[in-house]
Protein backbone atom coordinates (compact mmCIF):
# COMPACT_ATOMS: atom_id res chain seq x y z
CA UNK A 1 -33.81 182.18 -55.33
CA UNK A 2 -34.69 178.72 -55.43
CA UNK A 3 -33.34 178.13 -58.18
CA UNK A 4 -30.26 177.42 -57.31
CA UNK A 5 -31.22 174.48 -55.25
CA UNK A 6 -33.87 173.17 -57.62
CA UNK A 7 -33.26 174.45 -61.54
CA UNK A 8 -36.56 175.77 -63.60
CA UNK A 9 -37.51 173.97 -66.05
CA UNK A 10 -41.32 175.38 -67.36
CA UNK A 11 -42.93 179.29 -68.47
CA UNK A 12 -43.46 179.78 -65.35
CA UNK A 13 -41.39 178.51 -63.06
CA UNK A 14 -40.00 181.83 -62.41
CA UNK A 15 -43.22 182.73 -61.06
CA UNK A 16 -43.54 180.40 -58.63
CA UNK A 17 -39.97 180.95 -57.81
CA UNK A 18 -41.07 184.88 -57.65
CA UNK A 19 -43.83 184.40 -55.71
CA UNK A 20 -41.59 182.73 -53.06
CA UNK A 21 -39.51 185.49 -53.01
CA UNK A 22 -41.44 187.96 -52.09
CA UNK A 23 -42.90 185.59 -49.32
CA UNK A 24 -39.22 185.87 -48.56
CA UNK A 25 -39.14 189.27 -48.75
CA UNK A 26 -41.65 190.66 -46.80
CA UNK A 27 -41.12 188.10 -44.32
CA UNK A 28 -37.95 188.33 -43.72
CA UNK A 29 -38.48 192.21 -43.09
CA UNK A 30 -41.35 192.03 -41.16
CA UNK A 31 -38.49 189.05 -38.66
CA UNK A 32 -35.50 190.93 -38.20
CA UNK A 33 -37.57 194.05 -38.21
CA UNK A 34 -39.22 191.93 -35.06
CA UNK A 35 -36.31 190.49 -33.56
CA UNK A 36 -34.23 193.35 -33.67
CA UNK A 37 -36.60 195.68 -31.20
CA UNK A 38 -37.12 192.54 -29.35
CA UNK A 39 -33.03 192.41 -28.45
CA UNK A 40 -33.40 196.18 -28.62
CA UNK A 41 -35.73 196.36 -25.40
CA UNK A 42 -34.80 193.68 -23.28
CA UNK A 43 -31.44 195.49 -23.37
CA UNK A 44 -32.60 198.44 -23.51
CA UNK A 45 -35.06 197.98 -20.25
CA UNK A 46 -33.57 194.22 -18.63
CA UNK A 47 -33.21 194.92 -14.18
CA UNK A 48 -31.29 197.35 -12.85
CA UNK A 49 -30.95 197.99 -9.20
CA UNK A 50 -32.70 201.18 -8.39
CA UNK A 51 -34.58 201.07 -10.48
CA UNK A 52 -38.81 200.28 -9.98
CA UNK A 53 -40.32 198.59 -12.61
CA UNK A 54 -43.14 200.65 -14.78
CA UNK A 55 -46.17 198.87 -14.94
CA UNK A 56 -47.76 200.30 -18.58
CA UNK A 57 -51.83 199.54 -19.08
CA UNK A 58 -51.38 199.99 -23.05
CA UNK A 59 -54.17 202.50 -23.71
CA UNK A 60 -52.81 205.85 -23.93
CA UNK A 61 -52.79 206.71 -27.89
CA UNK A 62 -48.65 206.96 -27.47
CA UNK A 63 -48.83 203.96 -26.25
CA UNK A 64 -51.16 201.87 -28.57
CA UNK A 65 -49.32 203.25 -31.89
CA UNK A 66 -46.79 201.20 -31.36
CA UNK A 67 -49.02 198.21 -31.80
CA UNK A 68 -51.72 200.15 -34.29
CA UNK A 69 -49.49 200.75 -36.48
CA UNK A 70 -47.39 197.93 -37.74
CA UNK A 71 -50.42 196.51 -37.91
CA UNK A 72 -51.50 198.19 -40.34
CA UNK A 73 -48.23 197.82 -42.04
CA UNK A 74 -48.86 193.71 -41.59
CA UNK A 75 -51.99 193.81 -43.29
CA UNK A 76 -51.38 196.11 -46.22
CA UNK A 77 -48.19 193.32 -46.84
CA UNK A 78 -50.95 190.64 -46.34
CA UNK A 79 -52.74 192.24 -49.34
CA UNK A 80 -49.69 192.78 -51.61
CA UNK A 81 -49.59 188.75 -50.92
CA UNK A 82 -53.25 188.41 -51.62
CA UNK A 83 -52.67 189.42 -54.77
CA UNK A 84 -49.64 188.19 -56.67
CA UNK A 85 -50.13 184.64 -55.91
CA UNK A 86 -53.88 184.87 -57.36
CA UNK A 87 -52.33 186.47 -60.50
CA UNK A 88 -50.55 183.88 -60.51
CA UNK A 89 -52.74 180.96 -59.62
CA UNK A 90 -54.98 182.51 -62.85
CA UNK A 91 -52.49 182.76 -65.14
CA UNK A 92 -51.17 179.01 -64.39
CA UNK A 93 -54.63 176.76 -62.83
CA UNK A 94 -57.49 178.79 -63.96
CA UNK A 95 -56.09 179.98 -67.39
CA UNK A 96 -55.17 176.70 -70.19
CA UNK A 97 -53.25 177.89 -73.06
CA UNK A 98 -53.34 176.88 -76.10
CA UNK A 99 -51.49 173.21 -76.75
CA UNK A 100 -49.31 172.62 -78.65
CA UNK A 101 -49.12 168.24 -77.40
CA UNK A 102 -51.42 166.28 -75.56
CA UNK A 103 -50.70 163.63 -72.17
CA UNK A 104 -52.56 161.17 -69.82
CA UNK A 105 -50.97 160.70 -66.83
CA UNK A 106 -51.91 157.65 -65.03
CA UNK A 107 -50.84 156.91 -61.11
CA UNK A 108 -51.36 154.15 -59.40
CA UNK A 109 -49.91 152.14 -55.86
CA UNK A 110 -46.56 152.88 -56.80
CA UNK A 111 -45.65 154.29 -60.85
CA UNK A 112 -46.77 155.87 -63.39
CA UNK A 113 -47.90 155.61 -66.02
CA UNK A 114 -48.33 158.12 -69.48
CA UNK A 115 -49.54 157.90 -73.33
CA UNK A 116 -48.60 160.51 -75.49
CA UNK A 117 -50.37 161.31 -78.03
CA UNK A 118 -49.29 160.59 -82.06
CA UNK A 119 -48.35 162.90 -84.60
CA UNK A 120 -52.97 162.98 -84.69
CA UNK A 121 -52.13 165.09 -81.39
CA UNK A 122 -55.62 163.29 -79.85
CA UNK A 123 -56.01 161.02 -76.73
CA UNK A 124 -57.25 157.11 -77.22
CA UNK A 125 -55.98 156.97 -81.10
CA UNK A 126 -53.69 154.04 -82.54
CA UNK A 127 -51.09 156.53 -82.65
CA UNK A 128 -50.94 156.98 -79.22
CA UNK A 129 -47.63 155.35 -77.60
CA UNK A 130 -47.54 154.29 -74.04
CA UNK A 131 -45.35 154.26 -71.00
CA UNK A 132 -43.61 153.28 -67.08
CA UNK A 133 -42.46 155.68 -65.66
CA UNK A 134 -41.07 157.87 -68.51
CA UNK A 135 -42.34 161.51 -69.60
CA UNK A 136 -41.20 162.64 -72.84
CA UNK A 137 -41.40 165.89 -74.05
CA UNK A 138 -40.55 168.74 -77.10
CA UNK A 139 -39.07 171.25 -75.62
CA UNK A 140 -40.77 174.84 -76.60
CA UNK A 141 -43.97 172.48 -76.66
CA UNK A 142 -47.19 173.60 -74.65
CA UNK A 143 -48.59 170.52 -73.26
CA UNK A 144 -51.98 169.88 -71.64
CA UNK A 145 -52.57 166.67 -69.27
CA UNK A 146 -54.99 165.15 -68.10
CA UNK A 147 -54.27 163.80 -65.55
CA UNK A 148 -55.32 160.23 -63.66
CA UNK A 149 -56.04 157.58 -60.67
CA UNK A 150 -56.68 154.10 -60.61
CA UNK A 151 -56.37 153.72 -57.23
CA UNK A 152 -55.79 156.14 -54.17
CA UNK A 153 -54.69 159.76 -54.21
CA UNK A 154 -51.77 160.79 -56.21
CA UNK A 155 -49.40 164.43 -56.71
CA UNK A 156 -48.40 164.43 -59.75
CA UNK A 157 -45.46 166.64 -58.88
CA UNK A 158 -42.11 167.52 -61.08
CA UNK A 159 -40.06 170.04 -59.00
CA UNK A 160 -38.22 171.64 -62.20
CA UNK A 161 -41.24 172.50 -63.13
CA UNK A 162 -42.81 174.09 -60.34
CA UNK A 163 -45.62 172.37 -60.58
CA UNK A 164 -47.61 169.74 -58.16
CA UNK A 165 -51.68 168.28 -58.61
CA UNK A 166 -53.33 166.06 -56.77
CA UNK A 167 -54.42 162.87 -58.75
CA UNK A 168 -58.24 162.49 -57.33
CA UNK A 169 -60.08 158.80 -57.86
CA UNK A 170 -62.66 158.82 -60.16
CA UNK A 171 -61.35 162.11 -61.11
CA UNK A 172 -59.56 164.12 -64.70
CA UNK A 173 -57.75 166.39 -63.80
CA UNK A 174 -57.38 169.09 -66.81
CA UNK A 175 -53.58 170.98 -66.43
CA UNK A 176 -50.38 172.71 -68.70
CA UNK A 177 -47.04 172.65 -68.59
CA UNK A 178 -44.66 174.48 -71.00
CA UNK A 179 -40.83 172.89 -70.98
CA UNK A 180 -38.42 175.36 -71.30
CA UNK A 181 -34.79 173.69 -70.92
CA UNK A 182 -33.43 169.87 -71.99
CA UNK A 183 -32.83 167.05 -69.78
CA UNK A 184 -34.21 164.84 -67.84
CA UNK A 185 -35.89 165.75 -63.92
CA UNK A 186 -37.20 163.99 -61.81
CA UNK A 187 -41.86 163.57 -60.80
CA UNK A 188 -42.46 162.02 -57.74
CA UNK A 189 -45.26 161.24 -55.97
CA UNK A 190 -46.28 163.83 -53.42
CA UNK A 191 -49.38 162.64 -51.58
CA UNK A 192 -48.68 159.60 -49.24
CA UNK A 193 -50.01 156.12 -50.82
CA UNK A 194 -49.03 153.44 -48.79
CA UNK A 195 -45.98 151.02 -48.21
CA UNK A 196 -44.34 152.32 -51.18
CA UNK A 197 -44.71 155.92 -51.11
CA UNK A 198 -40.75 156.78 -51.43
CA UNK A 199 -40.34 155.37 -54.14
CA UNK A 200 -42.87 156.24 -56.64
CA UNK A 201 -40.52 158.08 -59.53
CA UNK A 202 -40.74 159.18 -62.67
CA UNK A 203 -37.92 160.46 -65.15
CA UNK A 204 -39.69 163.25 -67.63
CA UNK A 205 -37.53 163.63 -70.00
CA UNK A 206 -37.50 166.60 -71.88
CA UNK A 207 -36.34 166.60 -75.81
CA UNK A 208 -35.58 168.32 -78.95
CA UNK A 209 -37.28 167.97 -81.44
CA UNK A 210 -35.31 165.01 -83.24
CA UNK A 211 -34.49 163.44 -80.00
CA UNK A 212 -37.63 163.53 -79.32
CA UNK A 213 -39.20 161.54 -82.96
CA UNK A 214 -35.94 159.33 -82.48
CA UNK A 215 -37.15 157.80 -78.75
CA UNK A 216 -40.27 158.00 -80.53
CA UNK A 217 -39.99 154.86 -83.01
CA UNK A 218 -37.48 153.59 -80.50
CA UNK A 219 -40.15 152.91 -78.03
CA UNK A 220 -42.43 152.19 -81.57
CA UNK A 221 -39.86 149.21 -82.01
CA UNK A 222 -38.43 147.39 -78.91
CA UNK A 223 -34.97 149.52 -78.91
CA UNK A 224 -35.83 151.95 -75.83
CA UNK A 225 -33.24 152.06 -72.41
CA UNK A 226 -34.71 154.14 -70.33
CA UNK A 227 -34.26 157.30 -68.68
CA UNK A 228 -35.88 156.25 -65.20
CA UNK A 229 -34.51 153.28 -64.89
CA UNK A 230 -31.09 154.30 -66.07
CA UNK A 231 -31.45 157.20 -63.80
CA UNK A 232 -32.13 154.59 -61.07
CA UNK A 233 -29.23 152.61 -61.93
CA UNK A 234 -30.97 149.65 -63.29
CA UNK A 235 -30.76 149.22 -66.94
CA UNK A 236 -33.65 146.66 -69.54
CA UNK A 237 -32.55 144.04 -71.95
CA UNK A 238 -32.90 145.27 -75.09
CA UNK A 239 -35.31 144.82 -76.69
CA UNK A 240 -37.80 146.26 -74.58
CA UNK A 241 -41.29 147.43 -75.60
CA UNK A 242 -42.22 150.24 -72.82
CA UNK A 243 -39.97 151.33 -69.39
CA UNK A 244 -41.65 148.11 -67.39
CA UNK A 245 -38.84 145.30 -67.48
CA UNK A 246 -39.56 141.97 -65.77
CA UNK A 247 -35.32 141.68 -64.80
CA UNK A 248 -33.79 140.66 -62.14
CA UNK A 249 -33.16 143.76 -61.08
CA UNK A 250 -35.46 145.72 -62.52
CA UNK A 251 -37.10 148.59 -60.53
CA UNK A 252 -40.39 145.57 -60.06
CA UNK A 253 -38.91 143.37 -59.20
CA UNK A 254 -37.07 146.05 -56.41
CA UNK A 255 -40.47 147.02 -55.16
CA UNK A 256 -41.99 143.70 -55.31
CA UNK A 257 -39.46 142.80 -52.54
CA UNK A 258 -40.60 143.94 -50.08
CA UNK A 259 -43.61 143.06 -49.58
């Protein structure tokens, strides 16, 4: 149901969507049932001339069963929700599948920095590729990410991946995702982090293998044009070494102008 509003583009997006669907169906069933009974009782036992109201203490079993039985049913549904939630949590948050690639994500007021592992598949080596506000991924590869913050609490949120994770200063938090659809998707900070929080966005672009290699080559030779700034309606002057530029209409200047 959620995918009708926000497309899903990761391997576990369906698990998250199904969990929300299950919760919606269960809660929706009890809401409609309760509301229907309430409307019926209001109409059935409305005030009538010549009919006195009765005081019911609710102490007889024939009376209390209408409270106990629904209560037990709600508890059973809660157990189902908790059980499914645990399964999804373990699969996504507690299990790190073998990785195909690695990226470091760094949040700061008010932008995102990314360090992509080079051909050696390791970070902090000479072939790393750094970008600002532009994260580039290969379709179908399992990524491990190292999430860090340089200043305050941030939240690394990619709605299309159904991914949210706090970035905590002084900690490196690990996680994973596997893109399943090519395209450019929104990345946002989902934690209040100061005046510029509302415009702390970035672009996540999922490439085919050939497109990814071409993009990495453009970044390294200074001819890359930022996907993020194109989505913001601005363009970088060529050549540029990263997606962070000093153009008069750039995101960095726009951000600085509000202070």
